[in-house]
Amino acid sequence: MIPRHPLRYLFFVPIIGLVAASCGDDGPDAAGDTPAATAPAEEGSEEEEGLSDEFEFGDPVDSADASRVIEITALDNFTFEPASVAITAGDTVTFRVTNVGVIPHDFTLGDSATQDSHDAEMAEMVGMEVHDESNAIGLEPGETKEMTWHFTEAGEILFGCHVPGHYAAGMKGDITIEA
């Protein structure tokens, strides 16, 4: 008979623990997807950076707060009229955007990084219903929508249409926010 020694359990306990842990359900599900609750945010994503509804140039506000209305027309020749707008920092402006064309358009406020990000997002959504966001509105043919914005910082931003191909075709405009 081999003498029993209590230290031999120190060898087996960690192995048993590893075997038990590998049998758990912490990995991908049957479809191979990582569970949403444990999936990390992608590096550089809005979720990771906390940018989902924060904009350096201002904030969306209620239309009752607007001191000015700017009419913008979205055209099927991939342009907006007017193509540029001047605003003073501190102004609260309602953009009343009308799609006078026969194809859908959208109107998105933001710097070039925001525009590029929204363009990539819209390219992935071909055939899907477009939802309005705090800085973007989708416009069906003949539709008019409003977006009211309080501009807090001087600088330059853009507005653009991100229906796939429209922004690349030049459907964008400039907003100068003067001090």
N, C-alpha and C. Protein backbone atom coordinates (compact mmCIF):
# COMPACT_ATOMS: atom_id res chain seq x y z
N MET A 1 0.84 -1.16 0.00
CA MET A 1 0.00 0.00 0.00
C MET A 1 0.89 1.24 0.00
N ILE A 2 0.50 2.23 -0.81
CA ILE A 2 1.25 3.49 -0.92
C ILE A 2 0.72 4.43 0.16
N PRO A 3 1.65 5.06 0.89
CA PRO A 3 1.19 5.99 1.92
C PRO A 3 0.48 7.19 1.31
N ARG A 4 -0.56 7.62 1.98
CA ARG A 4 -1.32 8.80 1.52
C ARG A 4 -0.63 10.05 2.03
N HIS A 5 -0.42 10.98 1.13
CA HIS A 5 0.25 12.22 1.49
C HIS A 5 -0.65 13.40 1.13
N PRO A 6 -0.93 14.32 2.06
CA PRO A 6 -1.85 15.42 1.79
C PRO A 6 -1.38 16.37 0.70
N LEU A 7 -0.10 16.46 0.41
CA LEU A 7 0.39 17.39 -0.61
C LEU A 7 0.04 16.95 -2.03
N ARG A 8 -0.26 15.65 -2.21
CA ARG A 8 -0.59 15.21 -3.57
C ARG A 8 -1.87 15.86 -4.08
N TYR A 9 -2.75 16.30 -3.16
CA TYR A 9 -3.98 16.97 -3.57
C TYR A 9 -3.70 18.34 -4.19
N LEU A 10 -2.59 18.97 -3.82
CA LEU A 10 -2.22 20.26 -4.39
C LEU A 10 -1.97 20.16 -5.89
N PHE A 11 -1.57 18.97 -6.34
CA PHE A 11 -1.34 18.75 -7.74
C PHE A 11 -2.65 18.54 -8.48
N PHE A 12 -3.59 17.79 -7.91
CA PHE A 12 -4.83 17.44 -8.59
C PHE A 12 -5.90 18.53 -8.55
N VAL A 13 -5.97 19.31 -7.50
CA VAL A 13 -7.02 20.33 -7.37
C VAL A 13 -6.96 21.35 -8.51
N PRO A 14 -5.79 21.92 -8.86
CA PRO A 14 -5.76 22.87 -9.97
C PRO A 14 -6.17 22.24 -11.29
N ILE A 15 -5.79 20.99 -11.52
CA ILE A 15 -6.16 20.32 -12.77
C ILE A 15 -7.67 20.12 -12.83
N ILE A 16 -8.25 19.70 -11.75
CA ILE A 16 -9.70 19.52 -11.70
C ILE A 16 -10.40 20.86 -11.94
N GLY A 17 -9.87 21.93 -11.37
CA GLY A 17 -10.44 23.26 -11.57
C GLY A 17 -10.38 23.70 -13.02
N LEU A 18 -9.27 23.43 -13.72
CA LEU A 18 -9.14 23.78 -15.13
C LEU A 18 -10.11 22.98 -15.98
N VAL A 19 -10.26 21.70 -15.68
CA VAL A 19 -11.20 20.86 -16.42
C VAL A 19 -12.62 21.37 -16.23
N ALA A 20 -12.98 21.69 -15.01
CA ALA A 20 -14.33 22.19 -14.72
C ALA A 20 -14.58 23.51 -15.41
N ALA A 21 -13.59 24.40 -15.42
CA ALA A 21 -13.75 25.71 -16.05
C ALA A 21 -13.93 25.57 -17.55
N SER A 22 -13.24 24.62 -18.16
CA SER A 22 -13.35 24.45 -19.61
C SER A 22 -14.70 23.88 -20.01
N CYS A 23 -15.43 23.31 -19.08
CA CYS A 23 -16.74 22.76 -19.38
C CYS A 23 -17.84 23.81 -19.23
N GLY A 24 -17.52 25.01 -18.74
CA GLY A 24 -18.51 26.07 -18.53
C GLY A 24 -19.00 26.63 -19.84
N ASP A 25 -19.99 27.50 -19.78
CA ASP A 25 -20.61 28.09 -20.97
C ASP A 25 -20.23 29.56 -21.11
N ASP A 26 -18.95 29.87 -20.99
CA ASP A 26 -18.50 31.25 -21.11
C ASP A 26 -18.09 31.61 -22.52
N GLY A 27 -18.05 30.67 -23.41
CA GLY A 27 -17.55 30.91 -24.76
C GLY A 27 -18.67 31.25 -25.71
N PRO A 28 -18.38 31.12 -27.01
CA PRO A 28 -19.39 31.42 -28.02
C PRO A 28 -20.58 30.49 -27.92
N ASP A 29 -21.75 31.00 -28.35
CA ASP A 29 -22.94 30.16 -28.33
C ASP A 29 -22.90 29.20 -29.51
N ALA A 30 -23.95 28.43 -29.67
CA ALA A 30 -23.98 27.41 -30.72
C ALA A 30 -23.79 28.01 -32.11
N ALA A 31 -24.18 29.25 -32.31
CA ALA A 31 -24.03 29.89 -33.61
C ALA A 31 -22.64 30.46 -33.79
N GLY A 32 -21.81 30.42 -32.76
CA GLY A 32 -20.46 30.94 -32.87
C GLY A 32 -20.36 32.41 -32.52
N ASP A 33 -21.41 32.99 -32.00
CA ASP A 33 -21.40 34.40 -31.64
C ASP A 33 -20.95 34.59 -30.21
N THR A 34 -20.25 35.67 -29.94
CA THR A 34 -19.87 36.01 -28.59
C THR A 34 -21.08 36.64 -27.92
N PRO A 35 -21.40 36.26 -26.69
CA PRO A 35 -22.55 36.86 -26.02
C PRO A 35 -22.39 38.37 -25.93
N ALA A 36 -23.47 39.12 -26.20
CA ALA A 36 -23.43 40.58 -26.24
C ALA A 36 -23.01 41.17 -24.91
N ALA A 37 -23.39 40.56 -23.81
CA ALA A 37 -23.08 41.13 -22.50
C ALA A 37 -21.59 41.10 -22.20
N THR A 38 -20.85 40.19 -22.84
CA THR A 38 -19.43 40.09 -22.55
C THR A 38 -18.57 40.55 -23.70
N ALA A 39 -19.17 40.92 -24.82
CA ALA A 39 -18.38 41.35 -25.96
C ALA A 39 -17.79 42.73 -25.69
N PRO A 40 -16.47 42.88 -25.85
CA PRO A 40 -15.87 44.19 -25.62
C PRO A 40 -16.22 45.16 -26.74
N ALA A 41 -16.22 46.44 -26.43
CA ALA A 41 -16.44 47.47 -27.45
C ALA A 41 -15.26 47.44 -28.41
N GLU A 42 -15.54 47.66 -29.70
CA GLU A 42 -14.47 47.70 -30.67
C GLU A 42 -13.59 48.91 -30.38
N GLU A 43 -12.30 48.74 -30.62
CA GLU A 43 -11.38 49.85 -30.38
C GLU A 43 -11.76 51.02 -31.28
N GLY A 44 -11.88 52.20 -30.69
CA GLY A 44 -12.23 53.39 -31.44
C GLY A 44 -13.72 53.55 -31.67
N SER A 45 -14.54 52.66 -31.14
CA SER A 45 -15.98 52.77 -31.35
C SER A 45 -16.56 53.90 -30.54
N GLU A 46 -17.74 54.37 -30.94
CA GLU A 46 -18.42 55.43 -30.21
C GLU A 46 -18.71 54.99 -28.78
N GLU A 47 -19.09 53.70 -28.60
CA GLU A 47 -19.39 53.20 -27.27
C GLU A 47 -18.17 53.29 -26.37
N GLU A 48 -17.00 52.89 -26.92
CA GLU A 48 -15.78 52.92 -26.12
C GLU A 48 -15.37 54.34 -25.78
N GLU A 49 -15.50 55.25 -26.74
CA GLU A 49 -15.05 56.62 -26.55
C GLU A 49 -16.10 57.49 -25.88
N GLY A 50 -17.33 56.97 -25.70
CA GLY A 50 -18.39 57.73 -25.05
C GLY A 50 -18.88 58.89 -25.89
N LEU A 51 -18.90 58.73 -27.23
CA LEU A 51 -19.27 59.82 -28.11
C LEU A 51 -20.65 59.68 -28.71
N SER A 52 -21.46 58.76 -28.25
CA SER A 52 -22.70 58.43 -28.93
C SER A 52 -23.58 59.64 -29.21
N ASP A 53 -23.74 60.57 -28.29
CA ASP A 53 -24.57 61.74 -28.54
C ASP A 53 -23.91 63.03 -28.07
N GLU A 54 -22.60 63.08 -28.06
CA GLU A 54 -21.89 64.28 -27.65
C GLU A 54 -21.16 64.85 -28.86
N PHE A 55 -21.34 66.15 -29.08
CA PHE A 55 -20.73 66.81 -30.23
C PHE A 55 -20.01 68.05 -29.75
N GLU A 56 -18.79 68.26 -30.24
CA GLU A 56 -17.99 69.40 -29.82
C GLU A 56 -18.60 70.73 -30.25
N PHE A 57 -19.36 70.73 -31.33
CA PHE A 57 -19.86 71.98 -31.88
C PHE A 57 -21.22 72.40 -31.32
N GLY A 58 -21.86 71.57 -30.49
CA GLY A 58 -23.15 71.95 -29.92
C GLY A 58 -24.00 70.76 -29.57
N ASP A 59 -25.30 71.04 -29.42
CA ASP A 59 -26.24 70.02 -28.96
C ASP A 59 -27.59 70.16 -29.65
N PRO A 60 -28.27 69.02 -29.85
CA PRO A 60 -29.65 69.10 -30.34
C PRO A 60 -30.54 69.66 -29.24
N VAL A 61 -31.50 70.49 -29.61
CA VAL A 61 -32.41 71.09 -28.64
C VAL A 61 -33.82 71.11 -29.21
N ASP A 62 -34.77 71.49 -28.39
CA ASP A 62 -36.17 71.60 -28.79
C ASP A 62 -36.35 72.75 -29.79
N SER A 63 -37.21 72.57 -30.75
CA SER A 63 -37.42 73.61 -31.78
C SER A 63 -37.94 74.93 -31.21
N ALA A 64 -38.59 74.89 -30.04
CA ALA A 64 -39.09 76.12 -29.42
C ALA A 64 -37.95 77.05 -29.02
N ASP A 65 -36.74 76.52 -28.89
CA ASP A 65 -35.58 77.31 -28.49
C ASP A 65 -34.91 78.04 -29.66
N ALA A 66 -35.33 77.76 -30.89
CA ALA A 66 -34.67 78.32 -32.07
C ALA A 66 -34.92 79.81 -32.21
N SER A 67 -33.86 80.52 -32.59
CA SER A 67 -33.98 81.95 -32.88
C SER A 67 -33.96 82.20 -34.38
N ARG A 68 -33.76 81.14 -35.16
CA ARG A 68 -33.61 81.28 -36.61
C ARG A 68 -33.96 79.97 -37.29
N VAL A 69 -34.56 80.05 -38.48
CA VAL A 69 -34.84 78.88 -39.30
C VAL A 69 -34.05 79.01 -40.59
N ILE A 70 -33.33 77.96 -40.94
CA ILE A 70 -32.59 77.93 -42.21
C ILE A 70 -33.21 76.83 -43.06
N GLU A 71 -33.70 77.24 -44.23
CA GLU A 71 -34.29 76.30 -45.19
C GLU A 71 -33.18 75.67 -46.01
N ILE A 72 -33.18 74.35 -46.06
CA ILE A 72 -32.21 73.59 -46.87
C ILE A 72 -33.01 72.69 -47.81
N THR A 73 -32.61 72.66 -49.06
CA THR A 73 -33.27 71.81 -50.05
C THR A 73 -32.30 70.72 -50.51
N ALA A 74 -32.75 69.47 -50.47
CA ALA A 74 -31.97 68.34 -50.96
C ALA A 74 -32.44 68.03 -52.38
N LEU A 75 -31.49 68.01 -53.30
CA LEU A 75 -31.81 67.83 -54.72
C LEU A 75 -31.26 66.52 -55.26
N ASP A 76 -31.90 65.99 -56.30
CA ASP A 76 -31.47 64.73 -56.89
C ASP A 76 -30.19 64.84 -57.71
N ASN A 77 -29.68 66.06 -57.94
CA ASN A 77 -28.39 66.20 -58.63
C ASN A 77 -27.23 66.16 -57.63
N PHE A 78 -27.52 65.61 -56.43
CA PHE A 78 -26.54 65.40 -55.36
C PHE A 78 -25.95 66.71 -54.83
N THR A 79 -26.84 67.68 -54.64
CA THR A 79 -26.45 68.95 -54.03
C THR A 79 -27.49 69.37 -53.00
N PHE A 80 -27.08 70.29 -52.14
CA PHE A 80 -27.98 70.97 -51.23
C PHE A 80 -28.00 72.44 -51.64
N GLU A 81 -29.14 73.07 -51.45
CA GLU A 81 -29.23 74.52 -51.62
C GLU A 81 -29.75 75.10 -50.32
N PRO A 82 -29.06 76.04 -49.74
CA PRO A 82 -27.73 76.54 -50.12
C PRO A 82 -26.64 75.51 -49.79
N ALA A 83 -25.47 75.71 -50.38
CA ALA A 83 -24.35 74.81 -50.16
C ALA A 83 -23.48 75.25 -48.99
N SER A 84 -23.73 76.45 -48.47
CA SER A 84 -22.98 76.90 -47.31
C SER A 84 -23.86 77.81 -46.46
N VAL A 85 -23.59 77.77 -45.16
CA VAL A 85 -24.39 78.51 -44.18
C VAL A 85 -23.43 79.11 -43.16
N ALA A 86 -23.72 80.34 -42.71
CA ALA A 86 -22.94 80.98 -41.65
C ALA A 86 -23.84 81.14 -40.42
N ILE A 87 -23.28 80.79 -39.27
CA ILE A 87 -23.99 80.83 -37.99
C ILE A 87 -23.04 81.45 -36.97
N THR A 88 -23.57 82.05 -35.95
CA THR A 88 -22.75 82.59 -34.86
C THR A 88 -22.80 81.63 -33.67
N ALA A 89 -21.62 81.40 -33.06
CA ALA A 89 -21.57 80.54 -31.87
C ALA A 89 -22.54 81.10 -30.84
N GLY A 90 -23.33 80.25 -30.26
CA GLY A 90 -24.37 80.65 -29.32
C GLY A 90 -25.76 80.63 -29.94
N ASP A 91 -25.82 80.63 -31.28
CA ASP A 91 -27.12 80.59 -31.98
C ASP A 91 -27.79 79.23 -31.81
N THR A 92 -29.11 79.27 -31.80
CA THR A 92 -29.92 78.05 -31.86
C THR A 92 -30.70 78.13 -33.16
N VAL A 93 -30.47 77.16 -34.03
CA VAL A 93 -31.00 77.19 -35.39
C VAL A 93 -31.83 75.95 -35.67
N THR A 94 -32.97 76.15 -36.32
CA THR A 94 -33.73 75.02 -36.85
C THR A 94 -33.41 74.90 -38.33
N PHE A 95 -32.95 73.73 -38.73
CA PHE A 95 -32.77 73.44 -40.15
C PHE A 95 -34.04 72.77 -40.61
N ARG A 96 -34.72 73.40 -41.55
CA ARG A 96 -35.92 72.81 -42.16
C ARG A 96 -35.46 72.28 -43.51
N VAL A 97 -35.36 70.95 -43.61
CA VAL A 97 -34.78 70.31 -44.79
C VAL A 97 -35.89 69.65 -45.58
N THR A 98 -35.93 69.98 -46.87
CA THR A 98 -36.95 69.42 -47.77
C THR A 98 -36.28 68.64 -48.89
N ASN A 99 -36.72 67.42 -49.09
CA ASN A 99 -36.26 66.60 -50.20
C ASN A 99 -37.23 66.85 -51.36
N VAL A 100 -36.80 67.65 -52.34
CA VAL A 100 -37.67 67.95 -53.48
C VAL A 100 -37.50 66.94 -54.61
N GLY A 101 -36.64 65.95 -54.39
CA GLY A 101 -36.36 64.96 -55.42
C GLY A 101 -37.29 63.77 -55.37
N VAL A 102 -36.94 62.77 -56.18
CA VAL A 102 -37.73 61.54 -56.25
C VAL A 102 -36.99 60.35 -55.65
N ILE A 103 -35.80 60.61 -55.10
CA ILE A 103 -35.03 59.56 -54.42
C ILE A 103 -34.78 59.98 -52.97
N PRO A 104 -34.58 59.03 -52.06
CA PRO A 104 -34.32 59.37 -50.66
C PRO A 104 -32.99 60.12 -50.49
N HIS A 105 -32.95 60.96 -49.46
CA HIS A 105 -31.73 61.67 -49.06
C HIS A 105 -31.69 61.68 -47.54
N ASP A 106 -30.56 62.12 -47.00
CA ASP A 106 -30.51 62.40 -45.57
C ASP A 106 -29.72 63.68 -45.34
N PHE A 107 -29.76 64.16 -44.12
CA PHE A 107 -29.09 65.40 -43.74
C PHE A 107 -28.41 65.13 -42.41
N THR A 108 -27.07 65.19 -42.43
CA THR A 108 -26.27 64.88 -41.25
C THR A 108 -25.34 66.04 -40.93
N LEU A 109 -25.37 66.48 -39.68
CA LEU A 109 -24.45 67.51 -39.20
C LEU A 109 -23.23 66.85 -38.57
N GLY A 110 -22.03 67.41 -38.80
CA GLY A 110 -20.86 66.91 -38.11
C GLY A 110 -19.57 67.31 -38.78
N ASP A 111 -18.47 67.06 -38.08
CA ASP A 111 -17.15 67.31 -38.65
C ASP A 111 -16.86 66.22 -39.67
N SER A 112 -15.70 66.30 -40.32
CA SER A 112 -15.40 65.33 -41.38
C SER A 112 -15.31 63.90 -40.85
N ALA A 113 -14.82 63.72 -39.61
CA ALA A 113 -14.75 62.37 -39.03
C ALA A 113 -16.16 61.81 -38.83
N THR A 114 -17.08 62.64 -38.33
CA THR A 114 -18.47 62.22 -38.14
C THR A 114 -19.10 61.87 -39.48
N GLN A 115 -18.84 62.70 -40.49
CA GLN A 115 -19.40 62.45 -41.83
C GLN A 115 -18.87 61.13 -42.39
N ASP A 116 -17.56 60.90 -42.26
CA ASP A 116 -16.97 59.65 -42.77
C ASP A 116 -17.54 58.43 -42.05
N SER A 117 -17.70 58.54 -40.74
CA SER A 117 -18.25 57.44 -39.94
C SER A 117 -19.70 57.15 -40.35
N HIS A 118 -20.50 58.21 -40.49
CA HIS A 118 -21.90 58.02 -40.87
C HIS A 118 -22.01 57.46 -42.29
N ASP A 119 -21.12 57.88 -43.18
CA ASP A 119 -21.12 57.37 -44.54
C ASP A 119 -20.86 55.87 -44.55
N ALA A 120 -19.88 55.42 -43.76
CA ALA A 120 -19.56 53.99 -43.68
C ALA A 120 -20.73 53.20 -43.08
N GLU A 121 -21.36 53.77 -42.06
CA GLU A 121 -22.51 53.12 -41.42
C GLU A 121 -23.67 52.98 -42.42
N MET A 122 -23.94 54.02 -43.16
CA MET A 122 -25.05 53.98 -44.13
C MET A 122 -24.75 52.99 -45.26
N ALA A 123 -23.49 52.86 -45.65
CA ALA A 123 -23.13 51.92 -46.72
C ALA A 123 -23.45 50.48 -46.30
N GLU A 124 -23.35 50.20 -45.01
CA GLU A 124 -23.66 48.86 -44.50
C GLU A 124 -25.16 48.63 -44.36
N MET A 125 -25.95 49.68 -44.43
CA MET A 125 -27.40 49.57 -44.18
C MET A 125 -28.22 49.56 -45.46
N VAL A 126 -27.62 49.29 -46.61
CA VAL A 126 -28.34 49.30 -47.88
C VAL A 126 -29.57 48.40 -47.78
N GLY A 127 -30.70 48.95 -48.12
CA GLY A 127 -31.95 48.20 -48.10
C GLY A 127 -32.66 48.19 -46.76
N MET A 128 -32.03 48.78 -45.73
CA MET A 128 -32.65 48.81 -44.41
C MET A 128 -33.31 50.17 -44.19
N GLU A 129 -34.27 50.21 -43.28
CA GLU A 129 -34.93 51.46 -42.95
C GLU A 129 -33.97 52.37 -42.19
N VAL A 130 -33.92 53.64 -42.59
CA VAL A 130 -33.04 54.60 -41.95
C VAL A 130 -33.81 55.29 -40.83
N HIS A 131 -33.18 55.35 -39.65
CA HIS A 131 -33.80 56.01 -38.50
C HIS A 131 -33.11 57.34 -38.24
N ASP A 132 -33.89 58.32 -37.79
CA ASP A 132 -33.32 59.61 -37.44
C ASP A 132 -32.46 59.47 -36.20
N GLU A 133 -31.41 60.26 -36.13
CA GLU A 133 -30.52 60.31 -34.98
C GLU A 133 -30.47 61.76 -34.51
N SER A 134 -29.75 62.02 -33.43
CA SER A 134 -29.71 63.38 -32.91
C SER A 134 -29.10 64.36 -33.90
N ASN A 135 -28.19 63.91 -34.75
CA ASN A 135 -27.56 64.80 -35.72
C ASN A 135 -27.83 64.41 -37.17
N ALA A 136 -28.81 63.55 -37.40
CA ALA A 136 -29.10 63.09 -38.77
C ALA A 136 -30.58 62.80 -38.94
N ILE A 137 -31.11 63.21 -40.09
CA ILE A 137 -32.50 62.91 -40.42
C ILE A 137 -32.57 62.31 -41.82
N GLY A 138 -33.40 61.29 -41.98
CA GLY A 138 -33.63 60.68 -43.28
C GLY A 138 -34.85 61.32 -43.91
N LEU A 139 -34.78 61.50 -45.23
CA LEU A 139 -35.86 62.19 -45.95
C LEU A 139 -36.31 61.39 -47.16
N GLU A 140 -37.55 60.97 -47.13
CA GLU A 140 -38.13 60.32 -48.29
C GLU A 140 -38.46 61.39 -49.34
N PRO A 141 -38.68 61.00 -50.59
CA PRO A 141 -39.03 61.98 -51.62
C PRO A 141 -40.24 62.83 -51.19
N GLY A 142 -40.10 64.15 -51.35
CA GLY A 142 -41.18 65.08 -51.02
C GLY A 142 -41.31 65.40 -49.53
N GLU A 143 -40.52 64.80 -48.68
CA GLU A 143 -40.65 64.96 -47.23
C GLU A 143 -39.85 66.17 -46.73
N THR A 144 -40.40 66.82 -45.70
CA THR A 144 -39.73 67.91 -45.00
C THR A 144 -39.62 67.53 -43.54
N LYS A 145 -38.43 67.71 -42.97
CA LYS A 145 -38.20 67.46 -41.55
C LYS A 145 -37.36 68.60 -40.99
N GLU A 146 -37.41 68.72 -39.67
CA GLU A 146 -36.64 69.76 -39.00
C GLU A 146 -35.68 69.16 -37.99
N MET A 147 -34.55 69.86 -37.81
CA MET A 147 -33.56 69.53 -36.79
C MET A 147 -33.14 70.85 -36.17
N THR A 148 -33.22 70.93 -34.85
CA THR A 148 -32.84 72.17 -34.17
C THR A 148 -31.56 71.93 -33.38
N TRP A 149 -30.63 72.86 -33.52
CA TRP A 149 -29.30 72.69 -32.95
C TRP A 149 -28.84 73.98 -32.28
N HIS A 150 -28.25 73.83 -31.11
CA HIS A 150 -27.61 74.95 -30.41
C HIS A 150 -26.11 74.83 -30.66
N PHE A 151 -25.55 75.82 -31.36
CA PHE A 151 -24.13 75.81 -31.71
C PHE A 151 -23.33 76.51 -30.63
N THR A 152 -22.42 75.78 -30.00
CA THR A 152 -21.68 76.31 -28.85
C THR A 152 -20.25 76.72 -29.15
N GLU A 153 -19.66 76.18 -30.19
CA GLU A 153 -18.25 76.42 -30.48
C GLU A 153 -18.06 76.98 -31.88
N ALA A 154 -17.17 77.97 -31.99
CA ALA A 154 -16.81 78.49 -33.31
C ALA A 154 -16.02 77.43 -34.06
N GLY A 155 -16.11 77.44 -35.39
CA GLY A 155 -15.37 76.48 -36.20
C GLY A 155 -16.08 76.18 -37.49
N GLU A 156 -15.66 75.12 -38.13
CA GLU A 156 -16.23 74.67 -39.40
C GLU A 156 -16.76 73.26 -39.23
N ILE A 157 -17.98 73.03 -39.66
CA ILE A 157 -18.51 71.66 -39.73
C ILE A 157 -19.16 71.49 -41.08
N LEU A 158 -19.68 70.32 -41.32
CA LEU A 158 -20.29 69.98 -42.60
C LEU A 158 -21.71 69.49 -42.40
N PHE A 159 -22.48 69.54 -43.48
CA PHE A 159 -23.71 68.77 -43.55
C PHE A 159 -23.60 67.94 -44.82
N GLY A 160 -24.15 66.73 -44.78
CA GLY A 160 -24.02 65.85 -45.93
C GLY A 160 -25.14 64.85 -46.01
N CYS A 161 -25.26 64.27 -47.19
CA CYS A 161 -26.23 63.19 -47.43
C CYS A 161 -25.44 61.90 -47.55
N HIS A 162 -25.88 60.88 -46.82
CA HIS A 162 -25.13 59.63 -46.79
C HIS A 162 -25.92 58.44 -47.32
N VAL A 163 -26.93 58.70 -48.14
CA VAL A 163 -27.51 57.61 -48.90
C VAL A 163 -26.35 57.11 -49.75
N PRO A 164 -26.10 55.80 -49.81
CA PRO A 164 -24.90 55.30 -50.47
C PRO A 164 -24.64 55.95 -51.84
N GLY A 165 -23.43 56.50 -51.95
CA GLY A 165 -22.97 57.15 -53.18
C GLY A 165 -23.20 58.64 -53.24
N HIS A 166 -24.12 59.16 -52.44
CA HIS A 166 -24.46 60.59 -52.53
C HIS A 166 -23.33 61.48 -52.00
N TYR A 167 -22.77 61.15 -50.85
CA TYR A 167 -21.71 61.97 -50.26
C TYR A 167 -20.48 61.96 -51.17
N ALA A 168 -20.13 60.78 -51.69
CA ALA A 168 -18.98 60.66 -52.59
C ALA A 168 -19.21 61.46 -53.87
N ALA A 169 -20.47 61.63 -54.27
CA ALA A 169 -20.80 62.40 -55.47
C ALA A 169 -20.80 63.90 -55.20
N GLY A 170 -20.57 64.29 -53.94
CA GLY A 170 -20.46 65.71 -53.61
C GLY A 170 -21.65 66.30 -52.89
N MET A 171 -22.56 65.47 -52.40
CA MET A 171 -23.75 65.99 -51.72
C MET A 171 -23.40 66.36 -50.29
N LYS A 172 -22.83 67.57 -50.16
CA LYS A 172 -22.41 68.08 -48.86
C LYS A 172 -22.37 69.59 -48.91
N GLY A 173 -22.33 70.18 -47.72
CA GLY A 173 -22.25 71.63 -47.61
C GLY A 173 -21.44 72.01 -46.39
N ASP A 174 -21.14 73.30 -46.28
CA ASP A 174 -20.30 73.81 -45.21
C ASP A 174 -21.13 74.69 -44.26
N ILE A 175 -20.81 74.58 -42.98
CA ILE A 175 -21.37 75.47 -41.97
C ILE A 175 -20.20 76.15 -41.28
N THR A 176 -20.19 77.47 -41.35
CA THR A 176 -19.18 78.25 -40.65
C THR A 176 -19.83 78.78 -39.39
N ILE A 177 -19.24 78.43 -38.25
CA ILE A 177 -19.75 78.89 -36.96
C ILE A 177 -18.78 79.98 -36.49
N GLU A 178 -19.24 81.22 -36.60
CA GLU A 178 -18.39 82.37 -36.29
C GLU A 178 -18.40 82.65 -34.80
N ALA A 179 -17.29 83.18 -34.30
CA ALA A 179 -17.18 83.51 -32.87
C ALA A 179 -18.05 84.70 -32.52
